[in-house]
Amino acid sequence: MANPYVPILVSIAIAVIFSLIFVAGSRFIGPYRPNATKSSLYECGMPARFATSQRFSVKFYLVAVLFILFDLEAVFLFPWSVVFQRLVEQGQGMFLLGEMFVFLGVLFLGWFYCLKRGAFQWD
C-alpha cells in the first residue's frame, strides 16, 4: 500500500523546483540595469529624510508579539474545541482539558508580559 503523503511530497517538490527555476531564470535572463534612482532609499513615495539604521520603539515589537500571541490562540483553540467532545467520549477529556489549561497559561503569561511592558497603552 502506498504512503498517502507521497502525493503531497511530490507536489511540494514540484513547487520548489519550479520556484527555483523561475527565480534563477529571471536572475540570469532578465534585464539588469542599475542606476542611482533605483539604488536610492525610498519610503512611502517620498525620499527618506532620516538614516535607515534608526532604532524602533519596543512597542512596535510588542504589537507584533501581541498579534502572534492572540493569533496562535485562535488557531489552536478552534481545532481543540472541535475534537474535544469526541475525546471526552473516549475518556481522554481530563488530559486534554489539562493540556489546554497549560496552553492558555502560557498565553496568559505572554499577555501579562505585554501588559507590564505597556503594550496596551496606545498613546
C-alpha atoms as a PDB file:
ATOM      1  CA  MET A   1       0.000   0.000   0.000  1.00  0.00           C
ATOM      2  CA  ALA A   2       1.359   3.402  -0.973  1.00  0.00           C
ATOM      3  CA  ASN A   3       2.006   6.086   1.614  1.00  0.00           C
ATOM      4  CA  PRO A   4      -0.804   8.683   1.484  1.00  0.00           C
ATOM      5  CA  TYR A   5       1.711  11.511   1.937  1.00  0.00           C
ATOM      6  CA  VAL A   6       3.621  10.753  -1.269  1.00  0.00           C
ATOM      7  CA  PRO A   7       1.380  12.944  -3.486  1.00  0.00           C
ATOM      8  CA  ILE A   8       1.789  15.859  -1.071  1.00  0.00           C
ATOM      9  CA  LEU A   9       5.569  15.468  -1.030  1.00  0.00           C
ATOM     10  CA  VAL A  10       5.656  15.242  -4.829  1.00  0.00           C
ATOM     11  CA  SER A  11       3.557  18.425  -5.083  1.00  0.00           C
ATOM     12  CA  ILE A  12       5.874  20.251  -2.685  1.00  0.00           C
ATOM     13  CA  ALA A  13       8.930  19.057  -4.588  1.00  0.00           C
ATOM     14  CA  ILE A  14       7.466  20.206  -7.905  1.00  0.00           C
ATOM     15  CA  ALA A  15       6.576  23.608  -6.415  1.00  0.00           C
ATOM     16  CA  VAL A  16      10.096  24.069  -5.024  1.00  0.00           C
ATOM     17  CA  ILE A  17      11.740  23.002  -8.292  1.00  0.00           C
ATOM     18  CA  PHE A  18       9.596  25.315 -10.421  1.00  0.00           C
ATOM     19  CA  SER A  19      10.121  28.197  -7.998  1.00  0.00           C
ATOM     20  CA  LEU A  20      13.886  27.778  -8.152  1.00  0.00           C
ATOM     21  CA  ILE A  21      13.809  27.501 -11.935  1.00  0.00           C
ATOM     22  CA  PHE A  22      11.772  30.702 -12.321  1.00  0.00           C
ATOM     23  CA  VAL A  23      13.848  32.677  -9.820  1.00  0.00           C
ATOM     24  CA  ALA A  24      17.101  31.556 -11.425  1.00  0.00           C
ATOM     25  CA  GLY A  25      15.702  32.199 -14.886  1.00  0.00           C
ATOM     26  CA  SER A  26      14.659  35.745 -14.046  1.00  0.00           C
ATOM     27  CA  ARG A  27      18.063  36.403 -12.484  1.00  0.00           C
ATOM     28  CA  PHE A  28      20.074  35.175 -15.460  1.00  0.00           C
ATOM     29  CA  ILE A  29      17.743  36.005 -18.355  1.00  0.00           C
ATOM     30  CA  GLY A  30      16.064  39.206 -17.127  1.00  0.00           C
ATOM     31  CA  PRO A  31      17.494  42.680 -17.691  1.00  0.00           C
ATOM     32  CA  TYR A  32      19.773  44.171 -15.060  1.00  0.00           C
ATOM     33  CA  ARG A  33      20.172  47.937 -15.430  1.00  0.00           C
ATOM     34  CA  PRO A  34      21.089  49.525 -12.095  1.00  0.00           C
ATOM     35  CA  ASN A  35      21.139  53.315 -11.762  1.00  0.00           C
ATOM     36  CA  ALA A  36      21.275  55.911  -8.990  1.00  0.00           C
ATOM     37  CA  THR A  37      17.490  56.287  -8.780  1.00  0.00           C
ATOM     38  CA  LYS A  38      16.909  52.569  -8.307  1.00  0.00           C
ATOM     39  CA  SER A  39      19.651  52.352  -5.696  1.00  0.00           C
ATOM     40  CA  SER A  40      18.423  55.309  -3.632  1.00  0.00           C
ATOM     41  CA  LEU A  41      16.420  54.912  -0.453  1.00  0.00           C
ATOM     42  CA  TYR A  42      12.682  55.145  -0.955  1.00  0.00           C
ATOM     43  CA  GLU A  43       9.851  55.017   1.539  1.00  0.00           C
ATOM     44  CA  CYS A  44       6.125  55.582   1.011  1.00  0.00           C
ATOM     45  CA  GLY A  45       6.547  57.578  -2.172  1.00  0.00           C
ATOM     46  CA  MET A  46       8.958  60.070  -0.619  1.00  0.00           C
ATOM     47  CA  PRO A  47      12.745  60.099  -0.351  1.00  0.00           C
ATOM     48  CA  ALA A  48      13.987  59.087   3.084  1.00  0.00           C
ATOM     49  CA  ARG A  49      14.556  62.031   5.444  1.00  0.00           C
ATOM     50  CA  PHE A  50      16.372  60.146   8.184  1.00  0.00           C
ATOM     51  CA  ALA A  51      19.027  57.475   8.439  1.00  0.00           C
ATOM     52  CA  THR A  52      17.707  53.983   7.770  1.00  0.00           C
ATOM     53  CA  SER A  53      19.515  52.468  10.734  1.00  0.00           C
ATOM     54  CA  GLN A  54      17.285  54.109  13.326  1.00  0.00           C
ATOM     55  CA  ARG A  55      16.071  52.176  16.324  1.00  0.00           C
ATOM     56  CA  PHE A  56      12.440  51.174  16.542  1.00  0.00           C
ATOM     57  CA  SER A  57      10.398  51.566  19.663  1.00  0.00           C
ATOM     58  CA  VAL A  58       9.905  48.453  21.755  1.00  0.00           C
ATOM     59  CA  LYS A  59       6.155  48.965  21.361  1.00  0.00           C
ATOM     60  CA  PHE A  60       6.497  48.078  17.673  1.00  0.00           C
ATOM     61  CA  TYR A  61       7.782  44.636  18.632  1.00  0.00           C
ATOM     62  CA  LEU A  62       5.245  44.252  21.415  1.00  0.00           C
ATOM     63  CA  VAL A  63       2.430  44.795  18.928  1.00  0.00           C
ATOM     64  CA  ALA A  64       3.934  42.013  16.804  1.00  0.00           C
ATOM     65  CA  VAL A  65       4.159  39.755  19.862  1.00  0.00           C
ATOM     66  CA  LEU A  66       0.534  40.533  20.699  1.00  0.00           C
ATOM     67  CA  PHE A  67      -0.570  39.646  17.198  1.00  0.00           C
ATOM     68  CA  ILE A  68       1.271  36.342  17.278  1.00  0.00           C
ATOM     69  CA  LEU A  69       0.048  35.629  20.790  1.00  0.00           C
ATOM     70  CA  PHE A  70      -3.644  36.037  20.069  1.00  0.00           C
ATOM     71  CA  ASP A  71      -3.453  34.692  16.538  1.00  0.00           C
ATOM     72  CA  LEU A  72      -1.934  31.445  17.787  1.00  0.00           C
ATOM     73  CA  GLU A  73      -4.540  31.245  20.485  1.00  0.00           C
ATOM     74  CA  ALA A  74      -7.340  31.381  17.948  1.00  0.00           C
ATOM     75  CA  VAL A  75      -5.607  28.955  15.585  1.00  0.00           C
ATOM     76  CA  PHE A  76      -5.164  26.305  18.280  1.00  0.00           C
ATOM     77  CA  LEU A  77      -8.442  26.770  20.141  1.00  0.00           C
ATOM     78  CA  PHE A  78     -10.754  26.098  17.195  1.00  0.00           C
ATOM     79  CA  PRO A  79      -9.487  22.585  16.322  1.00  0.00           C
ATOM     80  CA  TRP A  80      -9.281  21.744  20.026  1.00  0.00           C
ATOM     81  CA  SER A  81     -12.910  22.680  20.560  1.00  0.00           C
ATOM     82  CA  VAL A  82     -13.997  20.593  17.561  1.00  0.00           C
ATOM     83  CA  VAL A  83     -12.180  17.460  18.738  1.00  0.00           C
ATOM     84  CA  PHE A  84     -12.863  17.892  22.465  1.00  0.00           C
ATOM     85  CA  GLN A  85     -16.321  16.268  22.528  1.00  0.00           C
ATOM     86  CA  ARG A  86     -15.110  13.170  20.702  1.00  0.00           C
ATOM     87  CA  LEU A  87     -12.109  12.787  23.011  1.00  0.00           C
ATOM     88  CA  VAL A  88     -14.308  13.177  26.107  1.00  0.00           C
ATOM     89  CA  GLU A  89     -16.347  10.228  24.862  1.00  0.00           C
ATOM     90  CA  GLN A  90     -13.121   8.219  24.508  1.00  0.00           C
ATOM     91  CA  GLY A  91     -12.105   9.006  28.085  1.00  0.00           C
ATOM     92  CA  GLN A  92      -9.294  11.478  27.345  1.00  0.00           C
ATOM     93  CA  GLY A  93     -11.219  14.607  28.245  1.00  0.00           C
ATOM     94  CA  MET A  94      -9.446  15.492  31.502  1.00  0.00           C
ATOM     95  CA  PHE A  95      -5.992  15.114  29.962  1.00  0.00           C
ATOM     96  CA  LEU A  96      -6.985  17.275  27.004  1.00  0.00           C
ATOM     97  CA  LEU A  97      -8.543  19.864  29.297  1.00  0.00           C
ATOM     98  CA  GLY A  98      -5.338  19.971  31.360  1.00  0.00           C
ATOM     99  CA  GLU A  99      -3.235  20.465  28.264  1.00  0.00           C
ATOM    100  CA  MET A 100      -5.443  23.347  27.177  1.00  0.00           C
ATOM    101  CA  PHE A 101      -5.120  24.986  30.595  1.00  0.00           C
ATOM    102  CA  VAL A 102      -1.325  24.758  30.291  1.00  0.00           C
ATOM    103  CA  PHE A 103      -1.512  26.284  26.808  1.00  0.00           C
ATOM    104  CA  LEU A 104      -3.784  29.089  27.988  1.00  0.00           C
ATOM    105  CA  GLY A 105      -1.462  29.645  30.971  1.00  0.00           C
ATOM    106  CA  VAL A 106       1.491  30.219  28.650  1.00  0.00           C
ATOM    107  CA  LEU A 107      -0.614  32.612  26.584  1.00  0.00           C
ATOM    108  CA  PHE A 108      -1.685  34.414  29.738  1.00  0.00           C
ATOM    109  CA  LEU A 109       1.970  34.830  30.736  1.00  0.00           C
ATOM    110  CA  GLY A 110       2.675  36.425  27.339  1.00  0.00           C
ATOM    111  CA  TRP A 111      -0.331  38.708  27.751  1.00  0.00           C
ATOM    112  CA  PHE A 112       0.773  39.659  31.263  1.00  0.00           C
ATOM    113  CA  TYR A 113       4.283  40.447  29.966  1.00  0.00           C
ATOM    114  CA  CYS A 114       2.844  42.746  27.318  1.00  0.00           C
ATOM    115  CA  LEU A 115       0.599  44.357  29.904  1.00  0.00           C
ATOM    116  CA  LYS A 116       3.569  45.079  32.187  1.00  0.00           C
ATOM    117  CA  ARG A 117       5.625  46.484  29.283  1.00  0.00           C
ATOM    118  CA  GLY A 118       2.831  48.931  28.422  1.00  0.00           C
ATOM    119  CA  ALA A 119       1.855  47.458  25.070  1.00  0.00           C
ATOM    120  CA  PHE A 120      -1.824  48.155  25.714  1.00  0.00           C
ATOM    121  CA  GLN A 121      -1.241  51.893  26.196  1.00  0.00           C
ATOM    122  CA  TRP A 122      -1.691  53.319  22.698  1.00  0.00           C
ATOM    123  CA  ASP A 123      -0.618  56.919  23.365  1.00  0.00           C
END
